[in-house]
PDB file of N, CA and C in Angstrom:
ATOM      1  N   MET A   1       0.813  -1.176   0.000  1.00  0.00           N
ATOM      2  CA  MET A   1       0.000   0.000   0.000  1.00  0.00           C
ATOM      3  C   MET A   1       0.863   1.248   0.000  1.00  0.00           C
ATOM      4  N   GLY A   2       1.965   1.222   0.695  1.00  0.00           N
ATOM      5  CA  GLY A   2       2.895   2.362   0.752  1.00  0.00           C
ATOM      6  C   GLY A   2       3.468   2.665  -0.613  1.00  0.00           C
ATOM      7  N   LEU A   3       3.687   1.580  -1.338  1.00  0.00           N
ATOM      8  CA  LEU A   3       4.244   1.761  -2.686  1.00  0.00           C
ATOM      9  C   LEU A   3       3.210   2.439  -3.581  1.00  0.00           C
ATOM     10  N   LEU A   4       1.987   2.062  -3.422  1.00  0.00           N
ATOM     11  CA  LEU A   4       0.919   2.653  -4.203  1.00  0.00           C
ATOM     12  C   LEU A   4       0.748   4.134  -3.840  1.00  0.00           C
ATOM     13  N   THR A   5       0.842   4.461  -2.594  1.00  0.00           N
ATOM     14  CA  THR A   5       0.742   5.843  -2.137  1.00  0.00           C
ATOM     15  C   THR A   5       1.909   6.642  -2.676  1.00  0.00           C
ATOM     16  N   GLN A   6       3.070   6.045  -2.649  1.00  0.00           N
ATOM     17  CA  GLN A   6       4.274   6.733  -3.165  1.00  0.00           C
ATOM     18  C   GLN A   6       4.120   6.988  -4.659  1.00  0.00           C
ATOM     19  N   ILE A   7       3.592   6.040  -5.405  1.00  0.00           N
ATOM     20  CA  ILE A   7       3.396   6.193  -6.858  1.00  0.00           C
ATOM     21  C   ILE A   7       2.362   7.285  -7.116  1.00  0.00           C
ATOM     22  N   ILE A   8       1.311   7.320  -6.321  1.00  0.00           N
ATOM     23  CA  ILE A   8       0.276   8.345  -6.479  1.00  0.00           C
ATOM     24  C   ILE A   8       0.865   9.715  -6.183  1.00  0.00           C
ATOM     25  N   ASP A   9       1.649   9.813  -5.096  1.00  0.00           N
ATOM     26  CA  ASP A   9       2.274  11.097  -4.745  1.00  0.00           C
ATOM     27  C   ASP A   9       3.239  11.553  -5.843  1.00  0.00           C
ATOM     28  N   GLU A  10       4.014  10.636  -6.380  1.00  0.00           N
ATOM     29  CA  GLU A  10       4.954  10.974  -7.449  1.00  0.00           C
ATOM     30  C   GLU A  10       4.192  11.396  -8.710  1.00  0.00           C
ATOM     31  N   SER A  11       3.077  10.706  -8.960  1.00  0.00           N
ATOM     32  CA  SER A  11       2.266  11.040 -10.138  1.00  0.00           C
ATOM     33  C   SER A  11       1.674  12.431  -9.987  1.00  0.00           C
ATOM     34  N   LYS A  12       1.202  12.757  -8.754  1.00  0.00           N
ATOM     35  CA  LYS A  12       0.656  14.084  -8.505  1.00  0.00           C
ATOM     36  C   LYS A  12       1.742  15.144  -8.670  1.00  0.00           C
ATOM     37  N   ALA A  13       2.947  14.872  -8.157  1.00  0.00           N
ATOM     38  CA  ALA A  13       4.067  15.815  -8.284  1.00  0.00           C
ATOM     39  C   ALA A  13       4.458  15.966  -9.745  1.00  0.00           C
ATOM     40  N   LEU A  14       4.479  14.853 -10.466  1.00  0.00           N
ATOM     41  CA  LEU A  14       4.821  14.877 -11.889  1.00  0.00           C
ATOM     42  C   LEU A  14       3.747  15.646 -12.672  1.00  0.00           C
ATOM     43  N   GLU A  15       2.472  15.432 -12.320  1.00  0.00           N
ATOM     44  CA  GLU A  15       1.379  16.151 -12.978  1.00  0.00           C
ATOM     45  C   GLU A  15       1.493  17.648 -12.688  1.00  0.00           C
ATOM     46  N   LYS A  16       1.814  17.994 -11.439  1.00  0.00           N
ATOM     47  CA  LYS A  16       1.965  19.389 -11.061  1.00  0.00           C
ATOM     48  C   LYS A  16       3.109  20.032 -11.837  1.00  0.00           C
ATOM     49  N   ASP A  17       4.247  19.315 -11.948  1.00  0.00           N
ATOM     50  CA  ASP A  17       5.391  19.834 -12.723  1.00  0.00           C
ATOM     51  C   ASP A  17       5.017  19.975 -14.198  1.00  0.00           C
ATOM     52  N   ALA A  18       4.265  19.012 -14.715  1.00  0.00           N
ATOM     53  CA  ALA A  18       3.858  19.061 -16.128  1.00  0.00           C
ATOM     54  C   ALA A  18       2.921  20.240 -16.365  1.00  0.00           C
ATOM     55  N   LEU A  19       1.975  20.462 -15.452  1.00  0.00           N
ATOM     56  CA  LEU A  19       1.066  21.586 -15.577  1.00  0.00           C
ATOM     57  C   LEU A  19       1.814  22.916 -15.472  1.00  0.00           C
ATOM     58  N   LYS A  20       2.780  22.972 -14.561  1.00  0.00           N
ATOM     59  CA  LYS A  20       3.592  24.180 -14.402  1.00  0.00           C
ATOM     60  C   LYS A  20       4.399  24.435 -15.681  1.00  0.00           C
ATOM     61  N   GLY A  21       5.028  23.398 -16.230  1.00  0.00           N
ATOM     62  CA  GLY A  21       5.788  23.516 -17.476  1.00  0.00           C
ATOM     63  C   GLY A  21       4.891  23.932 -18.641  1.00  0.00           C
ATOM     64  N   GLU A  22       3.674  23.339 -18.679  1.00  0.00           N
ATOM     65  CA  GLU A  22       2.734  23.683 -19.736  1.00  0.00           C
ATOM     66  C   GLU A  22       2.293  25.144 -19.616  1.00  0.00           C
ATOM     67  N   ALA A  23       2.059  25.608 -18.393  1.00  0.00           N
ATOM     68  CA  ALA A  23       1.660  27.004 -18.168  1.00  0.00           C
ATOM     69  C   ALA A  23       2.793  27.952 -18.593  1.00  0.00           C
ATOM     70  N   GLU A  24       4.025  27.577 -18.261  1.00  0.00           N
ATOM     71  CA  GLU A  24       5.175  28.405 -18.666  1.00  0.00           C
ATOM     72  C   GLU A  24       5.312  28.419 -20.191  1.00  0.00           C
ATOM     73  N   ALA A  25       5.134  27.261 -20.799  1.00  0.00           N
ATOM     74  CA  ALA A  25       5.230  27.169 -22.263  1.00  0.00           C
ATOM     75  C   ALA A  25       4.116  27.978 -22.916  1.00  0.00           C
ATOM     76  N   GLN A  26       2.905  27.919 -22.338  1.00  0.00           N
ATOM     77  CA  GLN A  26       1.784  28.695 -22.870  1.00  0.00           C
ATOM     78  C   GLN A  26       2.059  30.184 -22.748  1.00  0.00           C
ATOM     79  N   ALA A  27       2.594  30.625 -21.620  1.00  0.00           N
ATOM     80  CA  ALA A  27       2.920  32.047 -21.408  1.00  0.00           C
ATOM     81  C   ALA A  27       4.009  32.481 -22.388  1.00  0.00           C
ATOM     82  N   THR A  28       5.002  31.639 -22.566  1.00  0.00           N
ATOM     83  CA  THR A  28       6.081  31.954 -23.511  1.00  0.00           C
ATOM     84  C   THR A  28       5.524  32.039 -24.931  1.00  0.00           C
ATOM     85  N   TYR A  29       4.639  31.098 -25.287  1.00  0.00           N
ATOM     86  CA  TYR A  29       4.030  31.092 -26.615  1.00  0.00           C
ATOM     87  C   TYR A  29       3.196  32.355 -26.826  1.00  0.00           C
ATOM     88  N   GLU A  30       2.384  32.714 -25.840  1.00  0.00           N
ATOM     89  CA  GLU A  30       1.560  33.920 -25.959  1.00  0.00           C
ATOM     90  C   GLU A  30       2.424  35.171 -26.095  1.00  0.00           C
ATOM     91  N   SER A  31       3.520  35.227 -25.357  1.00  0.00           N
ATOM     92  CA  SER A  31       4.455  36.352 -25.471  1.00  0.00           C
ATOM     93  C   SER A  31       5.075  36.386 -26.864  1.00  0.00           C
ATOM     94  N   PHE A  32       5.451  35.220 -27.379  1.00  0.00           N
ATOM     95  CA  PHE A  32       6.035  35.132 -28.710  1.00  0.00           C
ATOM     96  C   PHE A  32       5.031  35.586 -29.768  1.00  0.00           C
ATOM     97  N   VAL A  33       3.775  35.146 -29.647  1.00  0.00           N
ATOM     98  CA  VAL A  33       2.737  35.529 -30.605  1.00  0.00           C
ATOM     99  C   VAL A  33       2.505  37.034 -30.556  1.00  0.00           C
ATOM    100  N   LYS A  34       2.458  37.602 -29.350  1.00  0.00           N
ATOM    101  CA  LYS A  34       2.241  39.041 -29.206  1.00  0.00           C
ATOM    102  C   LYS A  34       3.391  39.828 -29.843  1.00  0.00           C
ATOM    103  N   GLU A  35       4.629  39.420 -29.583  1.00  0.00           N
ATOM    104  CA  GLU A  35       5.790  40.090 -30.181  1.00  0.00           C
ATOM    105  C   GLU A  35       5.791  39.918 -31.701  1.00  0.00           C
ATOM    106  N   SER A  36       5.444  38.719 -32.160  1.00  0.00           N
ATOM    107  CA  SER A  36       5.408  38.463 -33.606  1.00  0.00           C
ATOM    108  C   SER A  36       4.345  39.325 -34.279  1.00  0.00           C
ATOM    109  N   ASP A  37       3.190  39.452 -33.652  1.00  0.00           N
ATOM    110  CA  ASP A  37       2.131  40.298 -34.212  1.00  0.00           C
ATOM    111  C   ASP A  37       2.584  41.754 -34.296  1.00  0.00           C
ATOM    112  N   ALA A  38       3.287  42.216 -33.263  1.00  0.00           N
ATOM    113  CA  ALA A  38       3.780  43.597 -33.267  1.00  0.00           C
ATOM    114  C   ALA A  38       4.797  43.794 -34.397  1.00  0.00           C
ATOM    115  N   VAL A  39       5.703  42.831 -34.563  1.00  0.00           N
ATOM    116  CA  VAL A  39       6.708  42.927 -35.627  1.00  0.00           C
ATOM    117  C   VAL A  39       6.031  42.873 -36.997  1.00  0.00           C
ATOM    118  N   ILE A  40       5.054  41.984 -37.149  1.00  0.00           N
ATOM    119  CA  ILE A  40       4.345  41.873 -38.427  1.00  0.00           C
ATOM    120  C   ILE A  40       3.610  43.166 -38.744  1.00  0.00           C
ATOM    121  N   ALA A  41       2.965  43.759 -37.727  1.00  0.00           N
ATOM    122  CA  ALA A  41       2.258  45.025 -37.944  1.00  0.00           C
ATOM    123  C   ALA A  41       3.230  46.123 -38.345  1.00  0.00           C
ATOM    124  N   GLN A  42       4.370  46.167 -37.676  1.00  0.00           N
ATOM    125  CA  GLN A  42       5.379  47.187 -38.002  1.00  0.00           C
ATOM    126  C   GLN A  42       5.919  46.982 -39.420  1.00  0.00           C
ATOM    127  N   LEU A  43       6.189  45.742 -39.780  1.00  0.00           N
ATOM    128  CA  LEU A  43       6.703  45.466 -41.124  1.00  0.00           C
ATOM    129  C   LEU A  43       5.640  45.749 -42.187  1.00  0.00           C
ATOM    130  N   SER A  44       4.386  45.446 -41.892  1.00  0.00           N
ATOM    131  CA  SER A  44       3.306  45.747 -42.837  1.00  0.00           C
ATOM    132  C   SER A  44       3.183  47.248 -43.048  1.00  0.00           C
ATOM    133  N   LYS A  45       3.321  47.991 -41.972  1.00  0.00           N
ATOM    134  CA  LYS A  45       3.284  49.456 -42.074  1.00  0.00           C
ATOM    135  C   LYS A  45       4.455  49.952 -42.929  1.00  0.00           C
ATOM    136  N   GLY A  46       5.624  49.359 -42.725  1.00  0.00           N
ATOM    137  CA  GLY A  46       6.792  49.718 -43.531  1.00  0.00           C
ATOM    138  C   GLY A  46       6.588  49.400 -45.002  1.00  0.00           C
ATOM    139  N   VAL A  47       5.972  48.259 -45.288  1.00  0.00           N
ATOM    140  CA  VAL A  47       5.696  47.871 -46.675  1.00  0.00           C
ATOM    141  C   VAL A  47       4.741  48.866 -47.312  1.00  0.00           C
ATOM    142  N   ALA A  48       3.696  49.255 -46.568  1.00  0.00           N
ATOM    143  CA  ALA A  48       2.730  50.217 -47.110  1.00  0.00           C
ATOM    144  C   ALA A  48       3.401  51.561 -47.379  1.00  0.00           C
ATOM    145  N   THR A  49       4.244  52.003 -46.458  1.00  0.00           N
ATOM    146  CA  THR A  49       4.958  53.273 -46.639  1.00  0.00           C
ATOM    147  C   THR A  49       5.875  53.210 -47.854  1.00  0.00           C
ATOM    148  N   LYS A  50       6.584  52.110 -47.982  1.00  0.00           N
ATOM    149  CA  LYS A  50       7.492  51.966 -49.124  1.00  0.00           C
ATOM    150  C   LYS A  50       6.728  51.866 -50.435  1.00  0.00           C
ATOM    151  N   ALA A  51       5.561  51.232 -50.418  1.00  0.00           N
ATOM    152  CA  ALA A  51       4.746  51.152 -51.634  1.00  0.00           C
ATOM    153  C   ALA A  51       4.278  52.549 -52.042  1.00  0.00           C
ATOM    154  N   GLU A  52       3.897  53.372 -51.066  1.00  0.00           N
ATOM    155  CA  GLU A  52       3.501  54.745 -51.375  1.00  0.00           C
ATOM    156  C   GLU A  52       4.686  55.526 -51.953  1.00  0.00           C
ATOM    157  N   LYS A  53       5.864  55.350 -51.360  1.00  0.00           N
ATOM    158  CA  LYS A  53       7.049  56.043 -51.858  1.00  0.00           C
ATOM    159  C   LYS A  53       7.370  55.601 -53.281  1.00  0.00           C
ATOM    160  N   ILE A  54       7.231  54.311 -53.544  1.00  0.00           N
ATOM    161  CA  ILE A  54       7.507  53.794 -54.891  1.00  0.00           C
ATOM    162  C   ILE A  54       6.544  54.408 -55.899  1.00  0.00           C
ATOM    163  N   SER A  55       5.253  54.448 -55.548  1.00  0.00           N
ATOM    164  CA  SER A  55       4.278  54.998 -56.497  1.00  0.00           C
ATOM    165  C   SER A  55       4.516  56.489 -56.721  1.00  0.00           C
ATOM    166  N   SER A  56       4.841  57.229 -55.661  1.00  0.00           N
ATOM    167  CA  SER A  56       5.116  58.661 -55.857  1.00  0.00           C
ATOM    168  C   SER A  56       6.419  58.853 -56.639  1.00  0.00           C
ATOM    169  N   SER A  57       7.380  57.979 -56.412  1.00  0.00           N
ATOM    170  CA  SER A  57       8.629  58.061 -57.172  1.00  0.00           C
ATOM    171  C   SER A  57       8.392  57.751 -58.644  1.00  0.00           C
ATOM    172  N   GLN A  58       7.496  56.817 -58.924  1.00  0.00           N
ATOM    173  CA  GLN A  58       7.178  56.499 -60.314  1.00  0.00           C
ATOM    174  C   GLN A  58       6.499  57.673 -60.989  1.00  0.00           C
ATOM    175  N   VAL A  59       5.621  58.356 -60.260  1.00  0.00           N
ATOM    176  CA  VAL A  59       4.970  59.544 -60.818  1.00  0.00           C
ATOM    177  C   VAL A  59       6.025  60.617 -61.102  1.00  0.00           C
ATOM    178  N   GLU A  60       6.941  60.819 -60.145  1.00  0.00           N
ATOM    179  CA  GLU A  60       8.011  61.798 -60.350  1.00  0.00           C
ATOM    180  C   GLU A  60       8.901  61.403 -61.522  1.00  0.00           C
ATOM    181  N   LEU A  61       9.167  60.108 -61.655  1.00  0.00           N
ATOM    182  CA  LEU A  61       9.992  59.629 -62.760  1.00  0.00           C
ATOM    183  C   LEU A  61       9.320  59.915 -64.093  1.00  0.00           C
ATOM    184  N   GLU A  62       8.033  59.642 -64.199  1.00  0.00           N
ATOM    185  CA  GLU A  62       7.305  59.913 -65.439  1.00  0.00           C
ATOM    186  C   GLU A  62       7.305  61.411 -65.743  1.00  0.00           C
ATOM    187  N   GLN A  63       7.138  62.233 -64.702  1.00  0.00           N
ATOM    188  CA  GLN A  63       7.165  63.687 -64.903  1.00  0.00           C
ATOM    189  C   GLN A  63       8.553  64.121 -65.380  1.00  0.00           C
ATOM    190  N   ALA A  64       9.592  63.550 -64.767  1.00  0.00           N
ATOM    191  CA  ALA A  64      10.955  63.890 -65.171  1.00  0.00           C
ATOM    192  C   ALA A  64      11.225  63.454 -66.610  1.00  0.00           C
ATOM    193  N   LYS A  65      10.716  62.278 -67.000  1.00  0.00           N
ATOM    194  CA  LYS A  65      10.889  61.820 -68.377  1.00  0.00           C
ATOM    195  C   LYS A  65      10.183  62.765 -69.349  1.00  0.00           C
ATOM    196  N   SER A  66       8.990  63.191 -68.965  1.00  0.00           N
ATOM    197  CA  SER A  66       8.233  64.117 -69.804  1.00  0.00           C
ATOM    198  C   SER A  66       8.973  65.448 -69.927  1.00  0.00           C
ATOM    199  N   ASP A  67       9.497  65.940 -68.793  1.00  0.00           N
ATOM    200  CA  ASP A  67      10.262  67.184 -68.806  1.00  0.00           C
ATOM    201  C   ASP A  67      11.513  67.044 -69.664  1.00  0.00           C
ATOM    202  N   LEU A  68      12.169  65.901 -69.563  1.00  0.00           N
ATOM    203  CA  LEU A  68      13.376  65.661 -70.358  1.00  0.00           C
ATOM    204  C   LEU A  68      13.042  65.668 -71.849  1.00  0.00           C
ATOM    205  N   ALA A  69      11.952  65.022 -72.202  1.00  0.00           N
ATOM    206  CA  ALA A  69      11.557  64.976 -73.619  1.00  0.00           C
ATOM    207  C   ALA A  69      11.234  66.374 -74.137  1.00  0.00           C
ATOM    208  N   SER A  70      10.485  67.157 -73.354  1.00  0.00           N
ATOM    209  CA  SER A  70      10.142  68.506 -73.813  1.00  0.00           C
ATOM    210  C   SER A  70      11.382  69.398 -73.857  1.00  0.00           C
ATOM    211  N   THR A  71      12.296  69.209 -72.922  1.00  0.00           N
ATOM    212  CA  THR A  71      13.541  69.979 -72.941  1.00  0.00           C
ATOM    213  C   THR A  71      14.381  69.598 -74.154  1.00  0.00           C
ATOM    214  N   GLY A  72      14.404  68.309 -74.472  1.00  0.00           N
ATOM    215  CA  GLY A  72      15.126  67.862 -75.663  1.00  0.00           C
ATOM    216  C   GLY A  72      14.537  68.460 -76.925  1.00  0.00           C
ATOM    217  N   ASP A  73      13.210  68.495 -76.999  1.00  0.00           N
ATOM    218  CA  ASP A  73      12.542  69.096 -78.164  1.00  0.00           C
ATOM    219  C   ASP A  73      12.864  70.587 -78.251  1.00  0.00           C
ATOM    220  N   GLU A  74      12.834  71.245 -77.110  1.00  0.00           N
ATOM    221  CA  GLU A  74      13.136  72.686 -77.088  1.00  0.00           C
ATOM    222  C   GLU A  74      14.587  72.937 -77.492  1.00  0.00           C
ATOM    223  N   LEU A  75      15.498  72.095 -77.018  1.00  0.00           N
ATOM    224  CA  LEU A  75      16.904  72.232 -77.407  1.00  0.00           C
ATOM    225  C   LEU A  75      17.082  72.019 -78.906  1.00  0.00           C
ATOM    226  N   ALA A  76      16.387  71.047 -79.455  1.00  0.00           N
ATOM    227  CA  ALA A  76      16.478  70.800 -80.895  1.00  0.00           C
ATOM    228  C   ALA A  76      15.952  72.002 -81.670  1.00  0.00           C
ATOM    229  N   SER A  77      14.857  72.580 -81.192  1.00  0.00           N
ATOM    230  CA  SER A  77      14.283  73.758 -81.840  1.00  0.00           C
ATOM    231  C   SER A  77      15.260  74.937 -81.768  1.00  0.00           C
ATOM    232  N   LEU A  78      15.856  75.123 -80.609  1.00  0.00           N
ATOM    233  CA  LEU A  78      16.825  76.214 -80.454  1.00  0.00           C
ATOM    234  C   LEU A  78      18.069  75.980 -81.306  1.00  0.00           C
ATOM    235  N   GLU A  79      18.471  74.730 -81.430  1.00  0.00           N
ATOM    236  CA  GLU A  79      19.626  74.401 -82.266  1.00  0.00           C
ATOM    237  C   GLU A  79      19.327  74.732 -83.730  1.00  0.00           C
ATOM    238  N   GLN A  80      18.114  74.424 -84.175  1.00  0.00           N
ATOM    239  CA  GLN A  80      17.721  74.751 -85.543  1.00  0.00           C
ATOM    240  C   GLN A  80      17.683  76.267 -85.740  1.00  0.00           C
ATOM    241  N   TYR A  81      17.146  76.983 -84.762  1.00  0.00           N
ATOM    242  CA  TYR A  81      17.099  78.452 -84.820  1.00  0.00           C
ATOM    243  C   TYR A  81      18.512  79.024 -84.887  1.00  0.00           C
ATOM    244  N   LYS A  82      19.416  78.446 -84.102  1.00  0.00           N
ATOM    245  CA  LYS A  82      20.816  78.878 -84.109  1.00  0.00           C
ATOM    246  C   LYS A  82      21.436  78.651 -85.486  1.00  0.00           C
ATOM    247  N   ALA A  83      21.151  77.492 -86.070  1.00  0.00           N
ATOM    248  CA  ALA A  83      21.703  77.184 -87.393  1.00  0.00           C
ATOM    249  C   ALA A  83      21.160  78.157 -88.438  1.00  0.00           C
ATOM    250  N   ASP A  84      19.868  78.477 -88.351  1.00  0.00           N
ATOM    251  CA  ASP A  84      19.273  79.433 -89.295  1.00  0.00           C
ATOM    252  C   ASP A  84      19.913  80.810 -89.148  1.00  0.00           C
ATOM    253  N   LEU A  85      20.079  81.252 -87.901  1.00  0.00           N
ATOM    254  CA  LEU A  85      20.714  82.551 -87.666  1.00  0.00           C
ATOM    255  C   LEU A  85      22.156  82.560 -88.171  1.00  0.00           C
ATOM    256  N   HIS A  86      22.841  81.465 -87.939  1.00  0.00           N
ATOM    257  CA  HIS A  86      24.237  81.377 -88.381  1.00  0.00           C
ATOM    258  C   HIS A  86      24.307  81.462 -89.898  1.00  0.00           C
ATOM    259  N   GLN A  87      23.376  80.798 -90.570  1.00  0.00           N
ATOM    260  CA  GLN A  87      23.352  80.838 -92.026  1.00  0.00           C
ATOM    261  C   GLN A  87      23.087  82.260 -92.515  1.00  0.00           C
ATOM    262  N   GLN A  88      22.150  82.961 -91.868  1.00  0.00           N
ATOM    263  CA  GLN A  88      21.858  84.342 -92.251  1.00  0.00           C
ATOM    264  C   GLN A  88      23.072  85.237 -92.020  1.00  0.00           C
ATOM    265  N   CYS A  89      23.728  85.053 -90.886  1.00  0.00           N
ATOM    266  CA  CYS A  89      24.909  85.866 -90.587  1.00  0.00           C
ATOM    267  C   CYS A  89      26.030  85.576 -91.581  1.00  0.00           C
ATOM    268  N   ASP A  90      26.203  84.308 -91.927  1.00  0.00           N
ATOM    269  CA  ASP A  90      27.231  83.955 -92.908  1.00  0.00           C
ATOM    270  C   ASP A  90      26.941  84.648 -94.237  1.00  0.00           C
ATOM    271  N   PHE A  91      25.675  84.689 -94.654  1.00  0.00           N
ATOM    272  CA  PHE A  91      25.310  85.352 -95.895  1.00  0.00           C
ATOM    273  C   PHE A  91      25.665  86.834 -95.832  1.00  0.00           C
ATOM    274  N   VAL A  92      25.342  87.472 -94.704  1.00  0.00           N
ATOM    275  CA  VAL A  92      25.634  88.907 -94.552  1.00  0.00           C
ATOM    276  C   VAL A  92      27.142  89.142 -94.587  1.00  0.00           C
ATOM    277  N   VAL A  93      27.899  88.316 -93.887  1.00  0.00           N
ATOM    278  CA  VAL A  93      29.360  88.489 -93.843  1.00  0.00           C
ATOM    279  C   VAL A  93      29.975  88.234 -95.216  1.00  0.00           C
ATOM    280  N   GLN A  94      29.512  87.194 -95.903  1.00  0.00           N
ATOM    281  CA  GLN A  94      30.078  86.855 -97.201  1.00  0.00           C
ATOM    282  C   GLN A  94      29.774  87.925 -98.244  1.00  0.00           C
ATOM    283  N   ASN A  95      28.624  88.557 -98.158  1.00  0.00           N
ATOM    284  CA  ASN A  95      28.221  89.533 -99.159  1.00  0.00           C
ATOM    285  C   ASN A  95      28.338  90.974 -98.664  1.00  0.00           C
ATOM    286  N   PHE A  96      29.065  91.183 -97.582  1.00  0.00           N
ATOM    287  CA  PHE A  96      29.143  92.515 -96.989  1.00  0.00           C
ATOM    288  C   PHE A  96      29.759  93.527 -97.953  1.00  0.00           C
ATOM    289  N   SER A  97      30.888  93.183 -98.538  1.00  0.00           N
ATOM    290  CA  SER A  97      31.562  94.156 -99.414  1.00  0.00           C
ATOM    291  C   SER A  97      30.708  94.458-100.650  1.00  0.00           C
ATOM    292  N   ILE A  98      30.033  93.456-101.206  1.00  0.00           N
ATOM    293  CA  ILE A  98      29.170  93.674-102.367  1.00  0.00           C
ATOM    294  C   ILE A  98      28.008  94.582-101.983  1.00  0.00           C
ATOM    295  N   ARG A  99      27.399  94.294-100.845  1.00  0.00           N
ATOM    296  CA  ARG A  99      26.271  95.105-100.388  1.00  0.00           C
ATOM    297  C   ARG A  99      26.720  96.516-100.033  1.00  0.00           C
ATOM    298  N   GLN A 100      27.917  96.636 -99.451  1.00  0.00           N
ATOM    299  CA  GLN A 100      28.422  97.967 -99.101  1.00  0.00           C
ATOM    300  C   GLN A 100      28.653  98.790-100.369  1.00  0.00           C
ATOM    301  N   GLN A 101      29.236  98.162-101.378  1.00  0.00           N
ATOM    302  CA  GLN A 101      29.471  98.843-102.649  1.00  0.00           C
ATOM    303  C   GLN A 101      28.147  99.271-103.279  1.00  0.00           C
ATOM    304  N   ALA A 102      27.140  98.399-103.249  1.00  0.00           N
ATOM    305  CA  ALA A 102      25.834  98.724-103.813  1.00  0.00           C
ATOM    306  C   ALA A 102      25.193  99.882-103.052  1.00  0.00           C
ATOM    307  N   ARG A 103      25.344  99.909-101.741  1.00  0.00           N
ATOM    308  CA  ARG A 103      24.788 101.004-100.937  1.00  0.00           C
ATOM    309  C   ARG A 103      25.479 102.330-101.271  1.00  0.00           C
ATOM    310  N   LEU A 104      26.792 102.285-101.432  1.00  0.00           N
ATOM    311  CA  LEU A 104      27.519 103.503-101.793  1.00  0.00           C
ATOM    312  C   LEU A 104      27.058 104.024-103.158  1.00  0.00           C
ATOM    313  N   GLN A 105      26.832 103.106-104.106  1.00  0.00           N
ATOM    314  CA  GLN A 105      26.352 103.530-105.418  1.00  0.00           C
ATOM    315  C   GLN A 105      24.950 104.119-105.305  1.00  0.00           C
ATOM    316  N   GLU A 106      24.119 103.536-104.452  1.00  0.00           N
ATOM    317  CA  GLU A 106      22.777 104.082-104.239  1.00  0.00           C
ATOM    318  C   GLU A 106      22.861 105.480-103.646  1.00  0.00           C
ATOM    319  N   ILE A 107      23.746 105.665-102.676  1.00  0.00           N
ATOM    320  CA  ILE A 107      23.897 106.972-102.031  1.00  0.00           C
ATOM    321  C   ILE A 107      24.350 108.013-103.055  1.00  0.00           C
ATOM    322  N   GLU A 108      25.317 107.642-103.876  1.00  0.00           N
ATOM    323  CA  GLU A 108      25.803 108.571-104.898  1.00  0.00           C
ATOM    324  C   GLU A 108      24.681 108.917-105.883  1.00  0.00           C
ATOM    325  N   ALA A 109      23.904 107.915-106.289  1.00  0.00           N
ATOM    326  CA  ALA A 109      22.804 108.151-107.225  1.00  0.00           C
ATOM    327  C   ALA A 109      21.765 109.064-106.601  1.00  0.00           C
ATOM    328  N   ILE A 110      21.461 108.867-105.339  1.00  0.00           N
ATOM    329  CA  ILE A 110      20.483 109.720-104.652  1.00  0.00           C
ATOM    330  C   ILE A 110      21.010 111.137-104.545  1.00  0.00           C
ATOM    331  N   GLN A 111      22.292 111.270-104.243  1.00  0.00           N
ATOM    332  CA  GLN A 111      22.873 112.620-104.142  1.00  0.00           C
ATOM    333  C   GLN A 111      22.830 113.329-105.507  1.00  0.00           C
ATOM    334  N   LYS A 112      23.119 112.624-106.587  1.00  0.00           N
ATOM    335  CA  LYS A 112      23.038 113.211-107.927  1.00  0.00           C
ATOM    336  C   LYS A 112      21.604 113.614-108.238  1.00  0.00           C
ATOM    337  N   ALA A 113      20.650 112.739-107.881  1.00  0.00           N
ATOM    338  CA  ALA A 113      19.244 113.051-108.128  1.00  0.00           C
ATOM    339  C   ALA A 113      18.819 114.267-107.332  1.00  0.00           C
ATOM    340  N   LYS A 114      19.276 114.383-106.094  1.00  0.00           N
ATOM    341  CA  LYS A 114      18.943 115.539-105.258  1.00  0.00           C
ATOM    342  C   LYS A 114      19.507 116.815-105.853  1.00  0.00           C
ATOM    343  N   SER A 115      20.760 116.724-106.275  1.00  0.00           N
ATOM    344  CA  SER A 115      21.372 117.929-106.837  1.00  0.00           C
ATOM    345  C   SER A 115      20.714 118.305-108.164  1.00  0.00           C
ATOM    346  N   PHE A 116      20.321 117.321-108.960  1.00  0.00           N
ATOM    347  CA  PHE A 116      19.635 117.596-110.212  1.00  0.00           C
ATOM    348  C   PHE A 116      18.284 118.246-109.954  1.00  0.00           C
ATOM    349  N   LEU A 117      17.577 117.699-108.980  1.00  0.00           N
ATOM    350  CA  LEU A 117      16.260 118.225-108.665  1.00  0.00           C
ATOM    351  C   LEU A 117      16.352 119.614-108.026  1.00  0.00           C
ATOM    352  N   SER A 118      17.411 119.921-107.337  1.00  0.00           N
ATOM    353  CA  SER A 118      17.526 121.255-106.763  1.00  0.00           C
ATOM    354  C   SER A 118      18.093 122.243-107.760  1.00  0.00           C
ATOM    355  N   GLY A 119      18.414 121.826-108.955  1.00  0.00           N
ATOM    356  CA  GLY A 119      18.858 122.729-110.000  1.00  0.00           C
ATOM    357  C   GLY A 119      20.348 122.900-110.073  1.00  0.00           C
ATOM    358  N   MET A 120      21.111 122.088-109.434  1.00  0.00           N
ATOM    359  CA  MET A 120      22.554 122.208-109.464  1.00  0.00           C
ATOM    360  C   MET A 120      23.124 121.103-110.315  1.00  0.00           C
ATOM    361  N   ASN A 121      22.796 121.082-111.545  1.00  0.00           N
ATOM    362  CA  ASN A 121      23.213 120.048-112.450  1.00  0.00           C
ATOM    363  C   ASN A 121      24.677 120.236-112.773  1.00  0.00           C
ATOM    364  N   ASP A 122      25.500 119.263-112.403  1.00  0.00           N
ATOM    365  CA  ASP A 122      26.929 119.345-112.645  1.00  0.00           C
ATOM    366  C   ASP A 122      27.247 118.898-114.050  1.00  0.00           C
ATOM    367  N   GLU A 123      26.399 118.242-114.712  1.00  0.00           N
ATOM    368  CA  GLU A 123      26.695 117.704-116.014  1.00  0.00           C
ATOM    369  C   GLU A 123      26.329 118.607-117.094  1.00  0.00           C
TER     370      GLU A 123
END
């Protein structure tokens, strides 16, 4: 009978230790779940923030691409305008002496016409 009592007492002690271990394991598990949920929530918030940043960055990128394209078009237009002006200036420089001579002849002709019309005919 003593042996049976001893086995019962040991079983009760073993059950008590098992229940205590199970309670500790449950508390540890609940703490782990709570910490994991907090980390998951924080990481989800970070993902949402980064997704917003990515979408705004994509919008900025598209705007920058559009600005680059319009700036390129404007530069091409200005380059063409520069080439046209350069061509006009080259024409003026190349024909300057001819045009100057023609202007001098015009001035002389006008002066002769003025003197003729005022009655001072030299001829």
